[in-house]
Amino acid sequence: MMITLILPYPISANRYWAHRIVRPKGGKPMALTYITPEAKSYKQQVAWHCKAAGILEPIAGRVHIDIKLYPKRPLDWAKRAAKNPEGWDDDVMCLDLDNVNKVLLDSLKDVAIQDDKWVRKITAERMEPDGEARLVVTIRQLKLPAAQNQLFEEVA
């Protein structure tokens, strides 16, 4: 099974979680980490895109996730490309790929994949900006190796 999704550009992991100090009555102050309203909104957008793509239930078991991150093309892209044809997009504002991974995997959980613990392989690439900012995500279900399949069949 394979699914390809075109998703909105993600929020940064730096804006996905927030922290505050909670002071319970008579207790010690405690640090509380929570998912921001902006993160909840992004997760809802991802869920909507998954539903629109026909995903009715999460893929079960092991998966490979391929991520293509497209930053927004700046208005002065042609000028930049004329000055530096091979590397004009190196200084285009873009999220770090490692920030994208965690936000995306949390947003796909229970929607397109069961849990990020089932992600056995991730490939991620920052692409040349070609228009609107977006993520193109391909999720492939991975089969158990043949030896493990045989072992499970013998146990059952």
N, C-alpha and C. Protein backbone atom coordinates (compact mmCIF):
# COMPACT_ATOMS: atom_id res chain seq x y z
N MET A 1 0.84 -1.18 0.00
CA MET A 1 0.00 0.00 0.00
C MET A 1 0.89 1.24 0.00
N MET A 2 0.50 2.24 -0.81
CA MET A 2 1.25 3.49 -0.89
C MET A 2 0.26 4.65 -1.02
N ILE A 3 0.54 5.72 -0.30
CA ILE A 3 -0.30 6.92 -0.33
C ILE A 3 0.61 8.12 -0.53
N THR A 4 0.22 9.03 -1.42
CA THR A 4 0.94 10.30 -1.58
C THR A 4 -0.03 11.43 -1.24
N LEU A 5 0.44 12.33 -0.38
CA LEU A 5 -0.36 13.45 0.10
C LEU A 5 0.35 14.76 -0.21
N ILE A 6 -0.41 15.78 -0.58
CA ILE A 6 0.13 17.13 -0.68
C ILE A 6 -0.48 17.88 0.50
N LEU A 7 0.40 18.27 1.43
CA LEU A 7 -0.03 18.86 2.69
C LEU A 7 0.42 20.31 2.80
N PRO A 8 -0.26 21.08 3.64
CA PRO A 8 0.19 22.46 3.86
C PRO A 8 1.59 22.48 4.47
N TYR A 9 2.28 23.57 4.25
CA TYR A 9 3.61 23.77 4.84
C TYR A 9 3.45 23.69 6.36
N PRO A 10 4.29 22.93 7.02
CA PRO A 10 4.10 22.73 8.46
C PRO A 10 4.55 23.93 9.29
N ILE A 11 4.11 23.93 10.53
CA ILE A 11 4.62 24.91 11.48
C ILE A 11 5.95 24.38 12.02
N SER A 12 6.73 25.25 12.59
CA SER A 12 8.01 24.84 13.16
C SER A 12 7.78 24.06 14.44
N ALA A 13 8.67 23.13 14.73
CA ALA A 13 8.60 22.41 16.00
C ALA A 13 8.72 23.38 17.17
N ASN A 14 9.37 24.51 16.94
CA ASN A 14 9.50 25.53 17.99
C ASN A 14 8.15 26.16 18.35
N ARG A 15 7.18 26.07 17.44
CA ARG A 15 5.84 26.61 17.72
C ARG A 15 4.82 25.51 17.95
N TYR A 16 5.25 24.26 17.88
CA TYR A 16 4.35 23.12 18.07
C TYR A 16 4.02 22.92 19.55
N TRP A 17 5.04 23.05 20.39
CA TRP A 17 4.85 22.89 21.83
C TRP A 17 5.11 24.22 22.52
N ALA A 18 4.46 24.41 23.65
CA ALA A 18 4.71 25.58 24.49
C ALA A 18 4.86 25.09 25.93
N HIS A 19 5.43 25.93 26.75
CA HIS A 19 5.71 25.55 28.14
C HIS A 19 5.21 26.67 29.06
N ARG A 20 4.79 26.26 30.23
CA ARG A 20 4.45 27.25 31.26
C ARG A 20 4.62 26.58 32.62
N ILE A 21 4.71 27.42 33.62
CA ILE A 21 4.84 26.94 34.99
C ILE A 21 3.46 26.95 35.64
N VAL A 22 3.10 25.82 36.21
CA VAL A 22 1.81 25.68 36.91
C VAL A 22 2.12 25.61 38.40
N ARG A 23 1.37 26.37 39.18
CA ARG A 23 1.56 26.38 40.63
C ARG A 23 0.29 25.87 41.31
N PRO A 24 0.22 24.55 41.55
CA PRO A 24 -0.97 24.02 42.22
C PRO A 24 -1.04 24.54 43.65
N LYS A 25 -2.25 24.64 44.19
CA LYS A 25 -2.44 25.13 45.56
C LYS A 25 -1.65 24.25 46.53
N GLY A 26 -0.80 24.88 47.29
CA GLY A 26 -0.03 24.17 48.29
C GLY A 26 1.04 23.24 47.75
N GLY A 27 1.25 23.22 46.45
CA GLY A 27 2.24 22.32 45.87
C GLY A 27 3.42 23.07 45.30
N LYS A 28 4.36 22.30 44.81
CA LYS A 28 5.54 22.88 44.18
C LYS A 28 5.21 23.28 42.75
N PRO A 29 5.83 24.35 42.26
CA PRO A 29 5.64 24.71 40.85
C PRO A 29 6.12 23.58 39.94
N MET A 30 5.37 23.35 38.86
CA MET A 30 5.70 22.29 37.91
C MET A 30 5.72 22.87 36.50
N ALA A 31 6.64 22.37 35.70
CA ALA A 31 6.67 22.77 34.29
C ALA A 31 5.65 21.93 33.53
N LEU A 32 4.87 22.59 32.70
CA LEU A 32 3.85 21.92 31.90
C LEU A 32 4.16 22.18 30.43
N THR A 33 4.22 21.12 29.64
CA THR A 33 4.42 21.23 28.20
C THR A 33 3.12 20.83 27.53
N TYR A 34 2.69 21.63 26.56
CA TYR A 34 1.43 21.34 25.89
C TYR A 34 1.52 21.68 24.41
N ILE A 35 0.60 21.09 23.65
CA ILE A 35 0.52 21.35 22.22
C ILE A 35 -0.25 22.65 22.03
N THR A 36 0.29 23.54 21.21
CA THR A 36 -0.30 24.86 21.01
C THR A 36 -1.57 24.78 20.15
N PRO A 37 -2.43 25.78 20.24
CA PRO A 37 -3.60 25.84 19.34
C PRO A 37 -3.19 25.83 17.86
N GLU A 38 -2.08 26.45 17.53
CA GLU A 38 -1.59 26.46 16.15
C GLU A 38 -1.25 25.04 15.70
N ALA A 39 -0.65 24.25 16.59
CA ALA A 39 -0.32 22.86 16.28
C ALA A 39 -1.58 22.02 16.11
N LYS A 40 -2.56 22.23 16.97
CA LYS A 40 -3.83 21.49 16.85
C LYS A 40 -4.50 21.82 15.52
N SER A 41 -4.42 23.07 15.11
CA SER A 41 -5.00 23.48 13.83
C SER A 41 -4.28 22.80 12.67
N TYR A 42 -2.95 22.72 12.74
CA TYR A 42 -2.20 22.04 11.67
C TYR A 42 -2.57 20.56 11.61
N LYS A 43 -2.67 19.92 12.75
CA LYS A 43 -3.05 18.51 12.80
C LYS A 43 -4.44 18.31 12.18
N GLN A 44 -5.38 19.22 12.43
CA GLN A 44 -6.71 19.13 11.83
C GLN A 44 -6.64 19.29 10.31
N GLN A 45 -5.78 20.20 9.83
CA GLN A 45 -5.62 20.38 8.39
C GLN A 45 -5.08 19.10 7.74
N VAL A 46 -4.10 18.48 8.39
CA VAL A 46 -3.52 17.24 7.87
C VAL A 46 -4.60 16.15 7.84
N ALA A 47 -5.39 16.06 8.89
CA ALA A 47 -6.47 15.06 8.94
C ALA A 47 -7.46 15.30 7.81
N TRP A 48 -7.79 16.54 7.55
CA TRP A 48 -8.73 16.86 6.47
C TRP A 48 -8.15 16.44 5.12
N HIS A 49 -6.88 16.74 4.88
CA HIS A 49 -6.24 16.35 3.62
C HIS A 49 -6.19 14.83 3.46
N CYS A 50 -5.94 14.14 4.56
CA CYS A 50 -5.92 12.67 4.52
C CYS A 50 -7.30 12.12 4.16
N LYS A 51 -8.32 12.68 4.79
CA LYS A 51 -9.69 12.23 4.51
C LYS A 51 -10.06 12.53 3.06
N ALA A 52 -9.67 13.71 2.57
CA ALA A 52 -9.96 14.08 1.18
C ALA A 52 -9.23 13.16 0.20
N ALA A 53 -8.08 12.61 0.62
CA ALA A 53 -7.33 11.68 -0.23
C ALA A 53 -7.87 10.26 -0.14
N GLY A 54 -8.90 10.06 0.66
CA GLY A 54 -9.52 8.74 0.75
C GLY A 54 -8.97 7.85 1.85
N ILE A 55 -8.19 8.40 2.74
CA ILE A 55 -7.65 7.61 3.85
C ILE A 55 -8.73 7.50 4.92
N LEU A 56 -9.26 6.30 5.08
CA LEU A 56 -10.34 6.08 6.04
C LEU A 56 -9.83 5.56 7.38
N GLU A 57 -8.67 4.91 7.35
CA GLU A 57 -8.06 4.42 8.59
C GLU A 57 -6.55 4.41 8.43
N PRO A 58 -5.83 4.50 9.53
CA PRO A 58 -4.37 4.54 9.46
C PRO A 58 -3.78 3.25 8.88
N ILE A 59 -2.66 3.38 8.20
CA ILE A 59 -1.93 2.21 7.72
C ILE A 59 -1.40 1.47 8.93
N ALA A 60 -1.61 0.17 8.96
CA ALA A 60 -1.17 -0.65 10.09
C ALA A 60 0.27 -1.10 9.90
N GLY A 61 1.02 -1.10 10.98
CA GLY A 61 2.37 -1.65 10.98
C GLY A 61 3.43 -0.73 10.43
N ARG A 62 4.52 -1.36 9.99
CA ARG A 62 5.71 -0.64 9.56
C ARG A 62 5.46 0.21 8.32
N VAL A 63 6.08 1.41 8.31
CA VAL A 63 5.95 2.30 7.16
C VAL A 63 7.28 2.98 6.85
N HIS A 64 7.39 3.40 5.59
CA HIS A 64 8.48 4.26 5.11
C HIS A 64 7.80 5.57 4.73
N ILE A 65 8.33 6.69 5.24
CA ILE A 65 7.78 8.00 4.93
C ILE A 65 8.81 8.80 4.16
N ASP A 66 8.43 9.25 2.98
CA ASP A 66 9.28 10.08 2.14
C ASP A 66 8.71 11.49 2.15
N ILE A 67 9.54 12.47 2.49
CA ILE A 67 9.11 13.85 2.66
C ILE A 67 9.84 14.74 1.66
N LYS A 68 9.08 15.51 0.93
CA LYS A 68 9.64 16.53 0.04
C LYS A 68 9.09 17.87 0.52
N LEU A 69 9.99 18.73 1.02
CA LEU A 69 9.63 20.03 1.57
C LEU A 69 9.88 21.11 0.53
N TYR A 70 8.83 21.79 0.13
CA TYR A 70 8.92 22.87 -0.84
C TYR A 70 8.71 24.20 -0.12
N PRO A 71 9.78 25.01 0.04
CA PRO A 71 9.57 26.33 0.61
C PRO A 71 8.86 27.23 -0.40
N LYS A 72 8.31 28.32 0.08
CA LYS A 72 7.64 29.27 -0.82
C LYS A 72 8.67 29.96 -1.70
N ARG A 73 8.34 30.07 -2.98
CA ARG A 73 9.24 30.75 -3.91
C ARG A 73 9.15 32.26 -3.65
N PRO A 74 10.29 32.90 -3.38
CA PRO A 74 10.26 34.35 -3.13
C PRO A 74 9.97 35.12 -4.42
N LEU A 75 9.48 36.33 -4.27
CA LEU A 75 9.15 37.15 -5.43
C LEU A 75 10.38 37.46 -6.28
N ASP A 76 11.54 37.56 -5.65
CA ASP A 76 12.77 37.91 -6.38
C ASP A 76 13.56 36.68 -6.84
N TRP A 77 12.88 35.55 -7.00
CA TRP A 77 13.58 34.31 -7.33
C TRP A 77 14.34 34.39 -8.66
N ALA A 78 13.79 35.06 -9.66
CA ALA A 78 14.44 35.14 -10.97
C ALA A 78 15.75 35.93 -10.87
N LYS A 79 15.73 36.99 -10.08
CA LYS A 79 16.93 37.79 -9.87
C LYS A 79 18.00 36.96 -9.15
N ARG A 80 17.58 36.21 -8.15
CA ARG A 80 18.50 35.34 -7.42
C ARG A 80 19.08 34.27 -8.35
N ALA A 81 18.22 33.68 -9.18
CA ALA A 81 18.66 32.62 -10.09
C ALA A 81 19.63 33.15 -11.14
N ALA A 82 19.43 34.39 -11.57
CA ALA A 82 20.35 34.97 -12.55
C ALA A 82 21.74 35.17 -11.94
N LYS A 83 21.79 35.53 -10.67
CA LYS A 83 23.08 35.76 -9.99
C LYS A 83 23.78 34.44 -9.64
N ASN A 84 22.99 33.43 -9.26
CA ASN A 84 23.56 32.17 -8.80
C ASN A 84 22.68 31.02 -9.28
N PRO A 85 22.82 30.60 -10.53
CA PRO A 85 21.91 29.60 -11.11
C PRO A 85 21.85 28.27 -10.34
N GLU A 86 22.98 27.81 -9.81
CA GLU A 86 22.99 26.50 -9.14
C GLU A 86 22.51 26.56 -7.70
N GLY A 87 22.73 27.67 -7.00
CA GLY A 87 22.42 27.70 -5.57
C GLY A 87 21.54 28.86 -5.14
N TRP A 88 20.73 29.37 -6.05
CA TRP A 88 19.93 30.55 -5.73
C TRP A 88 19.00 30.33 -4.55
N ASP A 89 18.57 29.10 -4.34
CA ASP A 89 17.57 28.84 -3.30
C ASP A 89 18.19 28.47 -1.94
N ASP A 90 19.52 28.51 -1.85
CA ASP A 90 20.15 28.12 -0.58
C ASP A 90 19.80 29.04 0.57
N ASP A 91 19.51 30.31 0.28
CA ASP A 91 19.18 31.23 1.37
C ASP A 91 17.69 31.59 1.43
N VAL A 92 16.87 30.81 0.74
CA VAL A 92 15.42 31.01 0.83
C VAL A 92 14.97 30.52 2.21
N MET A 93 14.13 31.30 2.87
CA MET A 93 13.66 30.93 4.21
C MET A 93 12.92 29.60 4.15
N CYS A 94 13.37 28.67 5.01
CA CYS A 94 12.80 27.32 5.01
C CYS A 94 13.01 26.69 6.37
N LEU A 95 12.06 25.87 6.78
CA LEU A 95 12.21 25.12 8.02
C LEU A 95 13.33 24.10 7.88
N ASP A 96 13.95 23.77 9.00
CA ASP A 96 14.93 22.68 9.01
C ASP A 96 14.18 21.36 8.84
N LEU A 97 14.76 20.44 8.10
CA LEU A 97 14.11 19.15 7.86
C LEU A 97 13.83 18.40 9.15
N ASP A 98 14.73 18.49 10.14
CA ASP A 98 14.48 17.75 11.38
C ASP A 98 13.29 18.31 12.15
N ASN A 99 13.03 19.62 12.04
CA ASN A 99 11.84 20.19 12.67
C ASN A 99 10.56 19.72 11.98
N VAL A 100 10.65 19.55 10.68
CA VAL A 100 9.49 19.10 9.91
C VAL A 100 9.09 17.68 10.29
N ASN A 101 10.07 16.81 10.46
CA ASN A 101 9.79 15.40 10.73
C ASN A 101 8.89 15.20 11.94
N LYS A 102 9.23 15.78 13.06
CA LYS A 102 8.47 15.55 14.29
C LYS A 102 7.05 16.11 14.18
N VAL A 103 6.92 17.31 13.65
CA VAL A 103 5.59 17.91 13.49
C VAL A 103 4.74 17.07 12.55
N LEU A 104 5.31 16.64 11.44
CA LEU A 104 4.57 15.84 10.47
C LEU A 104 4.15 14.50 11.07
N LEU A 105 5.08 13.80 11.70
CA LEU A 105 4.76 12.47 12.25
C LEU A 105 3.68 12.57 13.32
N ASP A 106 3.75 13.57 14.16
CA ASP A 106 2.70 13.75 15.18
C ASP A 106 1.35 14.05 14.52
N SER A 107 1.37 14.77 13.42
CA SER A 107 0.12 15.11 12.73
C SER A 107 -0.47 13.92 11.98
N LEU A 108 0.38 13.01 11.51
CA LEU A 108 -0.10 11.82 10.79
C LEU A 108 -0.58 10.71 11.72
N LYS A 109 -0.15 10.77 12.98
CA LYS A 109 -0.49 9.72 13.95
C LYS A 109 -2.00 9.60 14.11
N ASP A 110 -2.49 8.36 14.08
CA ASP A 110 -3.90 8.02 14.23
C ASP A 110 -4.77 8.51 13.06
N VAL A 111 -4.12 9.06 12.02
CA VAL A 111 -4.86 9.53 10.84
C VAL A 111 -4.41 8.73 9.62
N ALA A 112 -3.11 8.81 9.31
CA ALA A 112 -2.57 8.08 8.15
C ALA A 112 -1.70 6.91 8.59
N ILE A 113 -1.08 7.03 9.76
CA ILE A 113 -0.28 5.94 10.32
C ILE A 113 -0.76 5.70 11.75
N GLN A 114 -0.56 4.48 12.23
CA GLN A 114 -1.02 4.18 13.59
C GLN A 114 -0.26 4.98 14.63
N ASP A 115 1.06 4.99 14.51
CA ASP A 115 1.90 5.65 15.49
C ASP A 115 3.28 5.84 14.87
N ASP A 116 4.01 6.86 15.31
CA ASP A 116 5.33 7.07 14.73
C ASP A 116 6.33 6.00 15.16
N LYS A 117 5.98 5.16 16.12
CA LYS A 117 6.87 4.04 16.47
C LYS A 117 6.97 3.04 15.31
N TRP A 118 6.01 3.05 14.39
CA TRP A 118 6.00 2.13 13.25
C TRP A 118 6.80 2.65 12.06
N VAL A 119 7.32 3.87 12.16
CA VAL A 119 8.12 4.42 11.07
C VAL A 119 9.50 3.77 11.11
N ARG A 120 9.79 2.96 10.11
CA ARG A 120 11.07 2.23 10.05
C ARG A 120 12.08 2.95 9.16
N LYS A 121 11.59 3.83 8.30
CA LYS A 121 12.50 4.54 7.39
C LYS A 121 11.90 5.90 7.08
N ILE A 122 12.75 6.92 7.13
CA ILE A 122 12.34 8.28 6.75
C ILE A 122 13.36 8.80 5.75
N THR A 123 12.86 9.32 4.65
CA THR A 123 13.73 10.05 3.73
C THR A 123 13.13 11.44 3.60
N ALA A 124 13.98 12.45 3.64
CA ALA A 124 13.50 13.83 3.58
C ALA A 124 14.42 14.65 2.70
N GLU A 125 13.83 15.55 1.94
CA GLU A 125 14.60 16.36 1.03
C GLU A 125 13.97 17.74 0.92
N ARG A 126 14.83 18.75 0.98
CA ARG A 126 14.39 20.13 0.73
C ARG A 126 14.46 20.35 -0.77
N MET A 127 13.35 20.77 -1.34
CA MET A 127 13.25 20.92 -2.78
C MET A 127 13.45 22.38 -3.19
N GLU A 128 13.69 22.59 -4.48
CA GLU A 128 13.78 23.96 -5.00
C GLU A 128 12.39 24.58 -5.00
N PRO A 129 12.26 25.79 -4.48
CA PRO A 129 10.94 26.43 -4.47
C PRO A 129 10.39 26.59 -5.89
N ASP A 130 9.17 26.15 -6.11
CA ASP A 130 8.58 26.25 -7.45
C ASP A 130 7.20 26.90 -7.42
N GLY A 131 6.84 27.50 -6.32
CA GLY A 131 5.53 28.14 -6.19
C GLY A 131 5.15 28.23 -4.73
N GLU A 132 3.98 27.69 -4.39
CA GLU A 132 3.50 27.74 -3.01
C GLU A 132 4.25 26.74 -2.12
N ALA A 133 4.40 27.11 -0.88
CA ALA A 133 5.04 26.24 0.10
C ALA A 133 4.13 25.05 0.39
N ARG A 134 4.74 23.86 0.53
CA ARG A 134 3.95 22.65 0.78
C ARG A 134 4.86 21.50 1.16
N LEU A 135 4.22 20.41 1.58
CA LEU A 135 4.90 19.15 1.82
C LEU A 135 4.29 18.11 0.88
N VAL A 136 5.11 17.33 0.24
CA VAL A 136 4.62 16.18 -0.52
C VAL A 136 5.13 14.96 0.25
N VAL A 137 4.19 14.18 0.76
CA VAL A 137 4.52 13.07 1.64
C VAL A 137 4.03 11.77 1.01
N THR A 138 4.93 10.82 0.89
CA THR A 138 4.56 9.49 0.39
C THR A 138 4.76 8.50 1.53
N ILE A 139 3.72 7.74 1.82
CA ILE A 139 3.77 6.75 2.89
C ILE A 139 3.62 5.38 2.24
N ARG A 140 4.60 4.53 2.50
CA ARG A 140 4.57 3.16 1.96
C ARG A 140 4.51 2.17 3.12
N GLN A 141 3.60 1.25 3.03
CA GLN A 141 3.55 0.19 4.02
C GLN A 141 4.69 -0.79 3.74
N LEU A 142 5.40 -1.18 4.79
CA LEU A 142 6.51 -2.12 4.66
C LEU A 142 6.07 -3.49 5.16
N LYS A 143 6.48 -4.48 4.45
CA LYS A 143 6.17 -5.86 4.86
C LYS A 143 7.26 -6.35 5.80
N LEU A 144 6.91 -7.29 6.66
CA LEU A 144 7.91 -7.93 7.50
C LEU A 144 8.84 -8.75 6.62
N PRO A 145 10.10 -8.85 6.98
CA PRO A 145 11.00 -9.72 6.20
C PRO A 145 10.46 -11.15 6.18
N ALA A 146 10.75 -11.88 5.12
CA ALA A 146 10.20 -13.23 4.93
C ALA A 146 10.50 -14.14 6.11
N ALA A 147 11.70 -14.07 6.67
CA ALA A 147 12.06 -14.95 7.80
C ALA A 147 11.17 -14.66 9.00
N GLN A 148 10.87 -13.40 9.26
CA GLN A 148 10.00 -13.06 10.38
C GLN A 148 8.56 -13.49 10.12
N ASN A 149 8.12 -13.35 8.88
CA ASN A 149 6.76 -13.80 8.53
C ASN A 149 6.63 -15.29 8.82
N GLN A 150 7.63 -16.06 8.39
CA GLN A 150 7.60 -17.51 8.59
C GLN A 150 7.62 -17.84 10.08
N LEU A 151 8.41 -17.13 10.85
CA LEU A 151 8.49 -17.36 12.29
C LEU A 151 7.14 -17.10 12.93
N PHE A 152 6.46 -16.01 12.55
CA PHE A 152 5.16 -15.71 13.13
C PHE A 152 4.12 -16.75 12.74
N GLU A 153 4.20 -17.26 11.52
CA GLU A 153 3.25 -18.28 11.09
C GLU A 153 3.45 -19.58 11.89
N GLU A 154 4.71 -19.91 12.19
CA GLU A 154 4.99 -21.12 12.95
C GLU A 154 4.51 -21.00 14.39
N VAL A 155 4.61 -19.78 14.96
CA VAL A 155 4.19 -19.55 16.34
C VAL A 155 2.67 -19.60 16.44
N ALA A 156 1.99 -19.12 15.43
CA ALA A 156 0.52 -19.02 15.49
C ALA A 156 -0.19 -20.32 15.41
